[in-house]
């Protein structure tokens, strides 16, 4: 069978792409569902990650998006502005588990009891 240059390039490109994607490579992930138990576990993990007792998550559908914004604490009495910014995390699929990864530091936090799927 004779192959032209275009056919060879397609096969070579496909082989190269397949070699870059290993089954256990970290990948972006989203929540399987956003039920009460899942969100409670997620809030607990995020609170631990940012060192606060409670956190508020920014808007977004975590069954569709892998980025999570943890909002700064509300202003206290007598405060009218703050320089605090949200903390951002990514949901990742790492070694078959759902993990939070802090965007700023790369620190990883296990999400026990949370089901997610690769994007």
PDB file of N, CA and C in Angstrom:
ATOM      1  N   UNK A   1       0.844  -1.181   0.000  1.00  0.00           N
ATOM      2  CA  UNK A   1       0.000   0.000   0.000  1.00  0.00           C
ATOM      3  C   UNK A   1       0.881   1.234   0.000  1.00  0.00           C
ATOM      4  N   UNK A   2       0.561   2.179  -0.852  1.00  0.00           N
ATOM      5  CA  UNK A   2       1.341   3.394  -0.966  1.00  0.00           C
ATOM      6  C   UNK A   2       0.625   4.508  -0.203  1.00  0.00           C
ATOM      7  N   UNK A   3       1.407   5.310   0.563  1.00  0.00           N
ATOM      8  CA  UNK A   3       0.811   6.371   1.375  1.00  0.00           C
ATOM      9  C   UNK A   3       1.373   7.710   0.916  1.00  0.00           C
ATOM     10  N   UNK A   4       0.512   8.688   0.776  1.00  0.00           N
ATOM     11  CA  UNK A   4       0.994  10.009   0.402  1.00  0.00           C
ATOM     12  C   UNK A   4       1.449  10.771   1.644  1.00  0.00           C
ATOM     13  N   UNK A   5       2.033  11.928   1.450  1.00  0.00           N
ATOM     14  CA  UNK A   5       2.598  12.715   2.568  1.00  0.00           C
ATOM     15  C   UNK A   5       1.502  13.145   3.541  1.00  0.00           C
ATOM     16  N   UNK A   6       0.324  13.469   3.040  1.00  0.00           N
ATOM     17  CA  UNK A   6      -0.776  13.902   3.910  1.00  0.00           C
ATOM     18  C   UNK A   6      -1.218  12.759   4.824  1.00  0.00           C
ATOM     19  N   UNK A   7      -1.347  11.562   4.280  1.00  0.00           N
ATOM     20  CA  UNK A   7      -1.726  10.402   5.091  1.00  0.00           C
ATOM     21  C   UNK A   7      -0.699  10.098   6.156  1.00  0.00           C
ATOM     22  N   UNK A   8       0.574  10.193   5.781  1.00  0.00           N
ATOM     23  CA  UNK A   8       1.646   9.944   6.757  1.00  0.00           C
ATOM     24  C   UNK A   8       1.598  10.975   7.879  1.00  0.00           C
ATOM     25  N   UNK A   9       1.372  12.240   7.531  1.00  0.00           N
ATOM     26  CA  UNK A   9       1.320  13.298   8.543  1.00  0.00           C
ATOM     27  C   UNK A   9       0.161  13.071   9.506  1.00  0.00           C
ATOM     28  N   UNK A  10      -0.988  12.623   9.005  1.00  0.00           N
ATOM     29  CA  UNK A  10      -2.134  12.353   9.875  1.00  0.00           C
ATOM     30  C   UNK A  10      -1.837  11.215  10.845  1.00  0.00           C
ATOM     31  N   UNK A  11      -1.233  10.160  10.363  1.00  0.00           N
ATOM     32  CA  UNK A  11      -0.908   9.028  11.226  1.00  0.00           C
ATOM     33  C   UNK A  11       0.151   9.419  12.248  1.00  0.00           C
ATOM     34  N   UNK A  12       1.187  10.123  11.816  1.00  0.00           N
ATOM     35  CA  UNK A  12       2.251  10.540  12.724  1.00  0.00           C
ATOM     36  C   UNK A  12       1.711  11.497  13.784  1.00  0.00           C
ATOM     37  N   UNK A  13       0.860  12.424  13.370  1.00  0.00           N
ATOM     38  CA  UNK A  13       0.271  13.373  14.321  1.00  0.00           C
ATOM     39  C   UNK A  13      -0.600  12.672  15.342  1.00  0.00           C
ATOM     40  N   UNK A  14      -1.403  11.710  14.892  1.00  0.00           N
ATOM     41  CA  UNK A  14      -2.255  10.952  15.806  1.00  0.00           C
ATOM     42  C   UNK A  14      -1.444  10.159  16.806  1.00  0.00           C
ATOM     43  N   UNK A  15      -0.358   9.565  16.367  1.00  0.00           N
ATOM     44  CA  UNK A  15       0.507   8.804  17.275  1.00  0.00           C
ATOM     45  C   UNK A  15       1.152   9.718  18.293  1.00  0.00           C
ATOM     46  N   UNK A  16       1.560  10.899  17.872  1.00  0.00           N
ATOM     47  CA  UNK A  16       2.172  11.848  18.793  1.00  0.00           C
ATOM     48  C   UNK A  16       1.171  12.301  19.850  1.00  0.00           C
ATOM     49  N   UNK A  17      -0.065  12.606  19.437  1.00  0.00           N
ATOM     50  CA  UNK A  17      -1.082  13.034  20.396  1.00  0.00           C
ATOM     51  C   UNK A  17      -1.414  11.919  21.377  1.00  0.00           C
ATOM     52  N   UNK A  18      -1.504  10.705  20.916  1.00  0.00           N
ATOM     53  CA  UNK A  18      -1.821   9.579  21.791  1.00  0.00           C
ATOM     54  C   UNK A  18      -0.717   9.355  22.810  1.00  0.00           C
ATOM     55  N   UNK A  19       0.525   9.591  22.418  1.00  0.00           N
ATOM     56  CA  UNK A  19       1.632   9.366  23.347  1.00  0.00           C
ATOM     57  C   UNK A  19       1.685  10.423  24.442  1.00  0.00           C
ATOM     58  N   UNK A  20       1.082  11.586  24.216  1.00  0.00           N
ATOM     59  CA  UNK A  20       1.103  12.661  25.204  1.00  0.00           C
ATOM     60  C   UNK A  20      -0.001  12.515  26.245  1.00  0.00           C
ATOM     61  N   UNK A  21      -0.982  11.699  25.998  1.00  0.00           N
ATOM     62  CA  UNK A  21      -2.111  11.573  26.901  1.00  0.00           C
ATOM     63  C   UNK A  21      -2.074  10.210  27.581  1.00  0.00           C
ATOM     64  N   UNK A  22      -1.494  10.182  28.774  1.00  0.00           N
ATOM     65  CA  UNK A  22      -1.453   8.928  29.506  1.00  0.00           C
ATOM     66  C   UNK A  22      -2.708   8.805  30.345  1.00  0.00           C
ATOM     67  N   UNK A  23      -3.161   7.595  30.630  1.00  0.00           N
ATOM     68  CA  UNK A  23      -4.413   7.410  31.362  1.00  0.00           C
ATOM     69  C   UNK A  23      -4.400   8.022  32.758  1.00  0.00           C
ATOM     70  N   UNK A  24      -3.243   8.103  33.399  1.00  0.00           N
ATOM     71  CA  UNK A  24      -3.171   8.619  34.761  1.00  0.00           C
ATOM     72  C   UNK A  24      -2.690  10.062  34.832  1.00  0.00           C
ATOM     73  N   UNK A  25      -2.569  10.727  33.703  1.00  0.00           N
ATOM     74  CA  UNK A  25      -2.132  12.116  33.697  1.00  0.00           C
ATOM     75  C   UNK A  25      -3.202  12.988  34.351  1.00  0.00           C
ATOM     76  N   UNK A  26      -2.801  13.984  35.158  1.00  0.00           N
ATOM     77  CA  UNK A  26      -3.788  14.893  35.745  1.00  0.00           C
ATOM     78  C   UNK A  26      -4.621  15.565  34.652  1.00  0.00           C
ATOM     79  N   UNK A  27      -5.902  15.726  34.922  1.00  0.00           N
ATOM     80  CA  UNK A  27      -6.812  16.333  33.951  1.00  0.00           C
ATOM     81  C   UNK A  27      -7.823  17.195  34.681  1.00  0.00           C
ATOM     82  N   UNK A  28      -8.304  18.227  34.012  1.00  0.00           N
ATOM     83  CA  UNK A  28      -9.374  19.055  34.575  1.00  0.00           C
ATOM     84  C   UNK A  28     -10.594  18.176  34.813  1.00  0.00           C
ATOM     85  N   UNK A  29     -11.330  18.501  35.871  1.00  0.00           N
ATOM     86  CA  UNK A  29     -12.495  17.696  36.231  1.00  0.00           C
ATOM     87  C   UNK A  29     -13.642  18.598  36.668  1.00  0.00           C
ATOM     88  N   UNK A  30     -14.827  18.025  36.698  1.00  0.00           N
ATOM     89  CA  UNK A  30     -16.019  18.704  37.204  1.00  0.00           C
ATOM     90  C   UNK A  30     -16.735  17.747  38.153  1.00  0.00           C
ATOM     91  N   UNK A  31     -17.588  18.288  38.997  1.00  0.00           N
ATOM     92  CA  UNK A  31     -18.343  17.458  39.925  1.00  0.00           C
ATOM     93  C   UNK A  31     -19.337  16.588  39.170  1.00  0.00           C
ATOM     94  N   UNK A  32     -19.521  15.365  39.639  1.00  0.00           N
ATOM     95  CA  UNK A  32     -20.552  14.486  39.074  1.00  0.00           C
ATOM     96  C   UNK A  32     -21.933  15.067  39.352  1.00  0.00           C
ATOM     97  N   UNK A  33     -22.130  15.578  40.563  1.00  0.00           N
ATOM     98  CA  UNK A  33     -23.383  16.242  40.913  1.00  0.00           C
ATOM     99  C   UNK A  33     -23.100  17.247  42.012  1.00  0.00           C
ATOM    100  N   UNK A  34     -24.017  18.150  42.215  1.00  0.00           N
ATOM    101  CA  UNK A  34     -23.848  19.209  43.211  1.00  0.00           C
ATOM    102  C   UNK A  34     -24.868  19.055  44.332  1.00  0.00           C
ATOM    103  N   UNK A  35     -25.075  17.819  44.788  1.00  0.00           N
ATOM    104  CA  UNK A  35     -26.030  17.595  45.868  1.00  0.00           C
ATOM    105  C   UNK A  35     -25.483  18.119  47.190  1.00  0.00           C
ATOM    106  N   UNK A  36     -26.316  18.086  48.209  1.00  0.00           N
ATOM    107  CA  UNK A  36     -25.955  18.656  49.512  1.00  0.00           C
ATOM    108  C   UNK A  36     -24.687  18.028  50.092  1.00  0.00           C
ATOM    109  N   UNK A  37     -24.589  16.707  50.054  1.00  0.00           N
ATOM    110  CA  UNK A  37     -23.419  16.024  50.616  1.00  0.00           C
ATOM    111  C   UNK A  37     -22.131  16.383  49.897  1.00  0.00           C
ATOM    112  N   UNK A  38     -22.196  16.439  48.577  1.00  0.00           N
ATOM    113  CA  UNK A  38     -21.017  16.809  47.780  1.00  0.00           C
ATOM    114  C   UNK A  38     -20.579  18.225  48.100  1.00  0.00           C
ATOM    115  N   UNK A  39     -21.533  19.146  48.140  1.00  0.00           N
ATOM    116  CA  UNK A  39     -21.185  20.545  48.399  1.00  0.00           C
ATOM    117  C   UNK A  39     -20.674  20.743  49.824  1.00  0.00           C
ATOM    118  N   UNK A  40     -21.216  19.996  50.788  1.00  0.00           N
ATOM    119  CA  UNK A  40     -20.720  20.087  52.167  1.00  0.00           C
ATOM    120  C   UNK A  40     -19.267  19.620  52.244  1.00  0.00           C
ATOM    121  N   UNK A  41     -18.946  18.506  51.564  1.00  0.00           N
ATOM    122  CA  UNK A  41     -17.568  18.004  51.548  1.00  0.00           C
ATOM    123  C   UNK A  41     -16.642  18.987  50.838  1.00  0.00           C
ATOM    124  N   UNK A  42     -17.113  19.575  49.758  1.00  0.00           N
ATOM    125  CA  UNK A  42     -16.316  20.563  49.020  1.00  0.00           C
ATOM    126  C   UNK A  42     -16.055  21.799  49.874  1.00  0.00           C
ATOM    127  N   UNK A  43     -17.093  22.313  50.540  1.00  0.00           N
ATOM    128  CA  UNK A  43     -16.925  23.473  51.415  1.00  0.00           C
ATOM    129  C   UNK A  43     -15.928  23.180  52.537  1.00  0.00           C
ATOM    130  N   UNK A  44     -16.018  21.994  53.131  1.00  0.00           N
ATOM    131  CA  UNK A  44     -15.097  21.623  54.214  1.00  0.00           C
ATOM    132  C   UNK A  44     -13.660  21.583  53.714  1.00  0.00           C
ATOM    133  N   UNK A  45     -13.436  21.005  52.542  1.00  0.00           N
ATOM    134  CA  UNK A  45     -12.076  20.930  51.986  1.00  0.00           C
ATOM    135  C   UNK A  45     -11.551  22.326  51.651  1.00  0.00           C
ATOM    136  N   UNK A  46     -12.405  23.167  51.080  1.00  0.00           N
ATOM    137  CA  UNK A  46     -11.987  24.528  50.751  1.00  0.00           C
ATOM    138  C   UNK A  46     -11.695  25.347  52.004  1.00  0.00           C
ATOM    139  N   UNK A  47     -12.529  25.195  53.034  1.00  0.00           N
ATOM    140  CA  UNK A  47     -12.309  25.912  54.294  1.00  0.00           C
ATOM    141  C   UNK A  47     -10.956  25.519  54.895  1.00  0.00           C
ATOM    142  N   UNK A  48     -10.659  24.242  54.870  1.00  0.00           N
ATOM    143  CA  UNK A  48      -9.370  23.763  55.375  1.00  0.00           C
ATOM    144  C   UNK A  48      -8.221  24.323  54.533  1.00  0.00           C
ATOM    145  N   UNK A  49      -8.406  24.360  53.227  1.00  0.00           N
ATOM    146  CA  UNK A  49      -7.353  24.834  52.328  1.00  0.00           C
ATOM    147  C   UNK A  49      -7.026  26.308  52.532  1.00  0.00           C
ATOM    148  N   UNK A  50      -8.038  27.125  52.830  1.00  0.00           N
ATOM    149  CA  UNK A  50      -7.788  28.560  53.020  1.00  0.00           C
ATOM    150  C   UNK A  50      -7.656  28.942  54.496  1.00  0.00           C
ATOM    151  N   UNK A  51      -7.816  27.975  55.398  1.00  0.00           N
ATOM    152  CA  UNK A  51      -7.625  28.243  56.826  1.00  0.00           C
ATOM    153  C   UNK A  51      -8.738  29.034  57.477  1.00  0.00           C
ATOM    154  N   UNK A  52      -9.969  28.806  57.039  1.00  0.00           N
ATOM    155  CA  UNK A  52     -11.111  29.487  57.642  1.00  0.00           C
ATOM    156  C   UNK A  52     -12.150  28.456  58.044  1.00  0.00           C
ATOM    157  N   UNK A  53     -13.025  28.843  58.966  1.00  0.00           N
ATOM    158  CA  UNK A  53     -14.065  27.927  59.439  1.00  0.00           C
ATOM    159  C   UNK A  53     -15.145  27.721  58.392  1.00  0.00           C
ATOM    160  N   UNK A  54     -15.469  28.766  57.645  1.00  0.00           N
ATOM    161  CA  UNK A  54     -16.516  28.689  56.626  1.00  0.00           C
ATOM    162  C   UNK A  54     -16.059  29.449  55.388  1.00  0.00           C
ATOM    163  N   UNK A  55     -16.540  29.007  54.256  1.00  0.00           N
ATOM    164  CA  UNK A  55     -16.225  29.708  53.009  1.00  0.00           C
ATOM    165  C   UNK A  55     -17.494  29.886  52.184  1.00  0.00           C
ATOM    166  N   UNK A  56     -17.446  30.886  51.319  1.00  0.00           N
ATOM    167  CA  UNK A  56     -18.505  31.090  50.342  1.00  0.00           C
ATOM    168  C   UNK A  56     -17.878  30.932  48.962  1.00  0.00           C
ATOM    169  N   UNK A  57     -18.506  30.092  48.154  1.00  0.00           N
ATOM    170  CA  UNK A  57     -18.010  29.847  46.812  1.00  0.00           C
ATOM    171  C   UNK A  57     -18.671  30.834  45.857  1.00  0.00           C
ATOM    172  N   UNK A  58     -17.886  31.357  44.926  1.00  0.00           N
ATOM    173  CA  UNK A  58     -18.404  32.271  43.925  1.00  0.00           C
ATOM    174  C   UNK A  58     -19.375  31.571  42.994  1.00  0.00           C
ATOM    175  N   UNK A  59     -20.068  32.341  42.155  1.00  0.00           N
ATOM    176  CA  UNK A  59     -21.078  31.766  41.263  1.00  0.00           C
ATOM    177  C   UNK A  59     -20.451  30.848  40.227  1.00  0.00           C
ATOM    178  N   UNK A  60     -21.242  29.898  39.770  1.00  0.00           N
ATOM    179  CA  UNK A  60     -20.806  28.987  38.722  1.00  0.00           C
ATOM    180  C   UNK A  60     -21.357  27.597  38.953  1.00  0.00           C
ATOM    181  N   UNK A  61     -21.457  26.851  37.889  1.00  0.00           N
ATOM    182  CA  UNK A  61     -21.957  25.484  37.933  1.00  0.00           C
ATOM    183  C   UNK A  61     -20.766  24.535  37.922  1.00  0.00           C
ATOM    184  N   UNK A  62     -20.458  23.948  39.061  1.00  0.00           N
ATOM    185  CA  UNK A  62     -19.278  23.093  39.189  1.00  0.00           C
ATOM    186  C   UNK A  62     -19.466  21.719  38.553  1.00  0.00           C
ATOM    187  N   UNK A  63     -20.654  21.474  38.001  1.00  0.00           N
ATOM    188  CA  UNK A  63     -20.821  20.266  37.196  1.00  0.00           C
ATOM    189  C   UNK A  63     -20.457  20.559  35.740  1.00  0.00           C
ATOM    190  N   UNK A  64     -20.171  21.839  35.442  1.00  0.00           N
ATOM    191  CA  UNK A  64     -19.795  22.249  34.091  1.00  0.00           C
ATOM    192  C   UNK A  64     -18.439  22.945  34.032  1.00  0.00           C
ATOM    193  N   UNK A  65     -18.006  23.536  35.137  1.00  0.00           N
ATOM    194  CA  UNK A  65     -16.762  24.300  35.176  1.00  0.00           C
ATOM    195  C   UNK A  65     -15.834  23.733  36.247  1.00  0.00           C
ATOM    196  N   UNK A  66     -14.538  23.719  35.960  1.00  0.00           N
ATOM    197  CA  UNK A  66     -13.582  23.142  36.908  1.00  0.00           C
ATOM    198  C   UNK A  66     -12.927  24.188  37.813  1.00  0.00           C
ATOM    199  N   UNK A  67     -13.199  25.460  37.604  1.00  0.00           N
ATOM    200  CA  UNK A  67     -12.579  26.515  38.413  1.00  0.00           C
ATOM    201  C   UNK A  67     -13.518  26.956  39.526  1.00  0.00           C
ATOM    202  N   UNK A  68     -12.972  27.038  40.734  1.00  0.00           N
ATOM    203  CA  UNK A  68     -13.744  27.436  41.913  1.00  0.00           C
ATOM    204  C   UNK A  68     -13.129  28.695  42.498  1.00  0.00           C
ATOM    205  N   UNK A  69     -13.948  29.694  42.763  1.00  0.00           N
ATOM    206  CA  UNK A  69     -13.505  30.916  43.434  1.00  0.00           C
ATOM    207  C   UNK A  69     -14.030  30.882  44.866  1.00  0.00           C
ATOM    208  N   UNK A  70     -13.117  30.983  45.829  1.00  0.00           N
ATOM    209  CA  UNK A  70     -13.510  31.108  47.230  1.00  0.00           C
ATOM    210  C   UNK A  70     -13.465  32.592  47.551  1.00  0.00           C
ATOM    211  N   UNK A  71     -14.637  33.140  47.853  1.00  0.00           N
ATOM    212  CA  UNK A  71     -14.747  34.575  48.079  1.00  0.00           C
ATOM    213  C   UNK A  71     -14.076  34.985  49.383  1.00  0.00           C
ATOM    214  N   UNK A  72     -13.560  36.219  49.443  1.00  0.00           N
ATOM    215  CA  UNK A  72     -12.972  36.704  50.692  1.00  0.00           C
ATOM    216  C   UNK A  72     -14.034  36.793  51.783  1.00  0.00           C
ATOM    217  N   UNK A  73     -13.610  36.799  53.039  1.00  0.00           N
ATOM    218  CA  UNK A  73     -14.595  36.943  54.123  1.00  0.00           C
ATOM    219  C   UNK A  73     -15.343  38.267  53.996  1.00  0.00           C
ATOM    220  N   UNK A  74     -16.577  38.309  54.499  1.00  0.00           N
ATOM    221  CA  UNK A  74     -17.333  39.572  54.431  1.00  0.00           C
ATOM    222  C   UNK A  74     -16.649  40.645  55.284  1.00  0.00           C
ATOM    223  N   UNK A  75     -16.948  41.878  54.944  1.00  0.00           N
ATOM    224  CA  UNK A  75     -16.392  43.000  55.704  1.00  0.00           C
ATOM    225  C   UNK A  75     -16.904  42.983  57.139  1.00  0.00           C
ATOM    226  N   UNK A  76     -16.064  43.386  58.048  1.00  0.00           N
ATOM    227  CA  UNK A  76     -16.444  43.464  59.449  1.00  0.00           C
ATOM    228  C   UNK A  76     -17.066  44.805  59.776  1.00  0.00           C
ATOM    229  N   UNK A  77     -17.526  44.938  61.017  1.00  0.00           N
ATOM    230  CA  UNK A  77     -18.103  46.221  61.448  1.00  0.00           C
ATOM    231  C   UNK A  77     -17.069  47.340  61.290  1.00  0.00           C
ATOM    232  N   UNK A  78     -17.509  48.445  60.756  1.00  0.00           N
ATOM    233  CA  UNK A  78     -16.620  49.589  60.600  1.00  0.00           C
ATOM    234  C   UNK A  78     -15.744  49.522  59.350  1.00  0.00           C
ATOM    235  N   UNK A  79     -15.824  48.447  58.577  1.00  0.00           N
ATOM    236  CA  UNK A  79     -15.051  48.353  57.338  1.00  0.00           C
ATOM    237  C   UNK A  79     -15.949  48.723  56.173  1.00  0.00           C
ATOM    238  N   UNK A  80     -15.394  49.497  55.243  1.00  0.00           N
ATOM    239  CA  UNK A  80     -16.186  49.828  54.067  1.00  0.00           C
ATOM    240  C   UNK A  80     -15.498  49.385  52.780  1.00  0.00           C
ATOM    241  N   UNK A  81     -14.290  48.829  52.867  1.00  0.00           N
ATOM    242  CA  UNK A  81     -13.609  48.297  51.693  1.00  0.00           C
ATOM    243  C   UNK A  81     -12.532  47.312  52.139  1.00  0.00           C
ATOM    244  N   UNK A  82     -12.121  46.496  51.185  1.00  0.00           N
ATOM    245  CA  UNK A  82     -11.119  45.479  51.475  1.00  0.00           C
ATOM    246  C   UNK A  82     -10.253  45.259  50.239  1.00  0.00           C
ATOM    247  N   UNK A  83      -8.998  44.933  50.459  1.00  0.00           N
ATOM    248  CA  UNK A  83      -8.101  44.599  49.364  1.00  0.00           C
ATOM    249  C   UNK A  83      -8.045  43.092  49.119  1.00  0.00           C
ATOM    250  N   UNK A  84      -8.834  42.340  49.894  1.00  0.00           N
ATOM    251  CA  UNK A  84      -8.838  40.885  49.762  1.00  0.00           C
ATOM    252  C   UNK A  84      -9.388  40.484  48.388  1.00  0.00           C
ATOM    253  N   UNK A  85      -8.809  39.437  47.845  1.00  0.00           N
ATOM    254  CA  UNK A  85      -9.254  38.901  46.554  1.00  0.00           C
ATOM    255  C   UNK A  85      -9.644  37.439  46.741  1.00  0.00           C
ATOM    256  N   UNK A  86     -10.413  36.905  45.816  1.00  0.00           N
ATOM    257  CA  UNK A  86     -10.789  35.492  45.929  1.00  0.00           C
ATOM    258  C   UNK A  86      -9.565  34.577  45.818  1.00  0.00           C
ATOM    259  N   UNK A  87      -9.687  33.400  46.392  1.00  0.00           N
ATOM    260  CA  UNK A  87      -8.698  32.338  46.212  1.00  0.00           C
ATOM    261  C   UNK A  87      -9.272  31.415  45.145  1.00  0.00           C
ATOM    262  N   UNK A  88      -8.466  31.066  44.160  1.00  0.00           N
ATOM    263  CA  UNK A  88      -8.939  30.224  43.057  1.00  0.00           C
ATOM    264  C   UNK A  88      -8.358  28.817  43.143  1.00  0.00           C
ATOM    265  N   UNK A  89      -9.213  27.852  42.891  1.00  0.00           N
ATOM    266  CA  UNK A  89      -8.835  26.443  42.886  1.00  0.00           C
ATOM    267  C   UNK A  89      -9.344  25.811  41.601  1.00  0.00           C
ATOM    268  N   UNK A  90      -8.662  24.758  41.185  1.00  0.00           N
ATOM    269  CA  UNK A  90      -9.108  23.965  40.051  1.00  0.00           C
ATOM    270  C   UNK A  90      -9.450  22.577  40.536  1.00  0.00           C
ATOM    271  N   UNK A  91     -10.567  22.037  40.052  1.00  0.00           N
ATOM    272  CA  UNK A  91     -10.893  20.627  40.282  1.00  0.00           C
ATOM    273  C   UNK A  91     -10.087  19.821  39.280  1.00  0.00           C
ATOM    274  N   UNK A  92      -9.350  18.841  39.768  1.00  0.00           N
ATOM    275  CA  UNK A  92      -8.509  18.023  38.896  1.00  0.00           C
ATOM    276  C   UNK A  92      -8.743  16.540  39.178  1.00  0.00           C
ATOM    277  N   UNK A  93      -8.555  15.738  38.172  1.00  0.00           N
ATOM    278  CA  UNK A  93      -8.596  14.279  38.273  1.00  0.00           C
ATOM    279  C   UNK A  93      -7.138  13.845  38.332  1.00  0.00           C
ATOM    280  N   UNK A  94      -6.688  13.382  39.518  1.00  0.00           N
ATOM    281  CA  UNK A  94      -5.294  13.001  39.722  1.00  0.00           C
ATOM    282  C   UNK A  94      -5.258  11.582  40.277  1.00  0.00           C
ATOM    283  N   UNK A  95      -4.613  10.692  39.572  1.00  0.00           N
ATOM    284  CA  UNK A  95      -4.488   9.288  39.993  1.00  0.00           C
ATOM    285  C   UNK A  95      -5.839   8.664  40.345  1.00  0.00           C
ATOM    286  N   UNK A  96      -6.846   8.966  39.559  1.00  0.00           N
ATOM    287  CA  UNK A  96      -8.162   8.361  39.750  1.00  0.00           C
ATOM    288  C   UNK A  96      -8.983   8.977  40.866  1.00  0.00           C
ATOM    289  N   UNK A  97      -8.562  10.129  41.382  1.00  0.00           N
ATOM    290  CA  UNK A  97      -9.291  10.788  42.469  1.00  0.00           C
ATOM    291  C   UNK A  97      -9.521  12.252  42.133  1.00  0.00           C
ATOM    292  N   UNK A  98     -10.564  12.801  42.750  1.00  0.00           N
ATOM    293  CA  UNK A  98     -10.884  14.205  42.607  1.00  0.00           C
ATOM    294  C   UNK A  98     -10.047  14.997  43.620  1.00  0.00           C
ATOM    295  N   UNK A  99      -9.352  16.029  43.127  1.00  0.00           N
ATOM    296  CA  UNK A  99      -8.432  16.795  43.957  1.00  0.00           C
ATOM    297  C   UNK A  99      -8.642  18.278  43.678  1.00  0.00           C
ATOM    298  N   UNK A 100      -8.494  19.096  44.724  1.00  0.00           N
ATOM    299  CA  UNK A 100      -8.471  20.549  44.570  1.00  0.00           C
ATOM    300  C   UNK A 100      -7.019  20.976  44.401  1.00  0.00           C
ATOM    301  N   UNK A 101      -6.747  21.859  43.452  1.00  0.00           N
ATOM    302  CA  UNK A 101      -5.401  22.385  43.259  1.00  0.00           C
ATOM    303  C   UNK A 101      -5.472  23.908  43.347  1.00  0.00           C
ATOM    304  N   UNK A 102      -4.727  24.483  44.299  1.00  0.00           N
ATOM    305  CA  UNK A 102      -4.695  25.936  44.448  1.00  0.00           C
ATOM    306  C   UNK A 102      -3.965  26.541  43.261  1.00  0.00           C
ATOM    307  N   UNK A 103      -4.597  27.480  42.567  1.00  0.00           N
ATOM    308  CA  UNK A 103      -3.977  28.081  41.389  1.00  0.00           C
ATOM    309  C   UNK A 103      -2.713  28.854  41.746  1.00  0.00           C
ATOM    310  N   UNK A 104      -2.704  29.520  42.888  1.00  0.00           N
ATOM    311  CA  UNK A 104      -1.571  30.360  43.253  1.00  0.00           C
ATOM    312  C   UNK A 104      -0.335  29.558  43.650  1.00  0.00           C
ATOM    313  N   UNK A 105      -0.532  28.461  44.380  1.00  0.00           N
ATOM    314  CA  UNK A 105       0.607  27.716  44.928  1.00  0.00           C
ATOM    315  C   UNK A 105       0.805  26.332  44.318  1.00  0.00           C
ATOM    316  N   UNK A 106      -0.232  25.790  43.706  1.00  0.00           N
ATOM    317  CA  UNK A 106      -0.157  24.430  43.184  1.00  0.00           C
ATOM    318  C   UNK A 106      -0.386  23.363  44.250  1.00  0.00           C
ATOM    319  N   UNK A 107      -0.664  23.793  45.481  1.00  0.00           N
ATOM    320  CA  UNK A 107      -0.918  22.838  46.571  1.00  0.00           C
ATOM    321  C   UNK A 107      -2.163  22.020  46.244  1.00  0.00           C
ATOM    322  N   UNK A 108      -2.116  20.734  46.573  1.00  0.00           N
ATOM    323  CA  UNK A 108      -3.226  19.835  46.290  1.00  0.00           C
ATOM    324  C   UNK A 108      -3.928  19.430  47.577  1.00  0.00           C
ATOM    325  N   UNK A 109      -5.254  19.332  47.500  1.00  0.00           N
ATOM    326  CA  UNK A 109      -6.077  18.977  48.646  1.00  0.00           C
ATOM    327  C   UNK A 109      -7.053  17.882  48.229  1.00  0.00           C
ATOM    328  N   UNK A 110      -7.041  16.775  48.978  1.00  0.00           N
ATOM    329  CA  UNK A 110      -7.909  15.639  48.664  1.00  0.00           C
ATOM    330  C   UNK A 110      -9.370  16.016  48.866  1.00  0.00           C
ATOM    331  N   UNK A 111     -10.217  15.469  48.049  1.00  0.00           N
ATOM    332  CA  UNK A 111     -11.665  15.669  48.155  1.00  0.00           C
ATOM    333  C   UNK A 111     -12.322  14.342  48.480  1.00  0.00           C
ATOM    334  N   UNK A 112     -12.214  13.935  49.719  1.00  0.00           N
ATOM    335  CA  UNK A 112     -12.825  12.678  50.144  1.00  0.00           C
ATOM    336  C   UNK A 112     -14.343  12.796  50.107  1.00  0.00           C
ATOM    337  N   UNK A 113     -14.981  11.793  49.567  1.00  0.00           N
ATOM    338  CA  UNK A 113     -16.442  11.779  49.500  1.00  0.00           C
ATOM    339  C   UNK A 113     -17.023  12.619  48.371  1.00  0.00           C
ATOM    340  N   UNK A 114     -16.163  13.058  47.435  1.00  0.00           N
ATOM    341  CA  UNK A 114     -16.628  13.869  46.312  1.00  0.00           C
ATOM    342  C   UNK A 114     -16.360  13.101  45.023  1.00  0.00           C
ATOM    343  N   UNK A 115     -17.402  12.946  44.210  1.00  0.00           N
ATOM    344  CA  UNK A 115     -17.248  12.277  42.924  1.00  0.00           C
ATOM    345  C   UNK A 115     -17.125  13.314  41.816  1.00  0.00           C
ATOM    346  N   UNK A 116     -16.132  13.116  40.974  1.00  0.00           N
ATOM    347  CA  UNK A 116     -15.995  14.016  39.834  1.00  0.00           C
ATOM    348  C   UNK A 116     -15.645  13.187  38.602  1.00  0.00           C
ATOM    349  N   UNK A 117     -15.653  13.864  37.475  1.00  0.00           N
ATOM    350  CA  UNK A 117     -15.312  13.207  36.217  1.00  0.00           C
ATOM    351  C   UNK A 117     -14.397  14.130  35.419  1.00  0.00           C
ATOM    352  N   UNK A 118     -13.564  13.507  34.593  1.00  0.00           N
ATOM    353  CA  UNK A 118     -12.670  14.278  33.745  1.00  0.00           C
ATOM    354  C   UNK A 118     -13.477  15.073  32.724  1.00  0.00           C
ATOM    355  N   UNK A 119     -12.947  16.217  32.393  1.00  0.00           N
ATOM    356  CA  UNK A 119     -13.555  17.012  31.311  1.00  0.00           C
ATOM    357  C   UNK A 119     -13.125  16.465  29.974  1.00  0.00           C
TER     358      UNK A 119
END
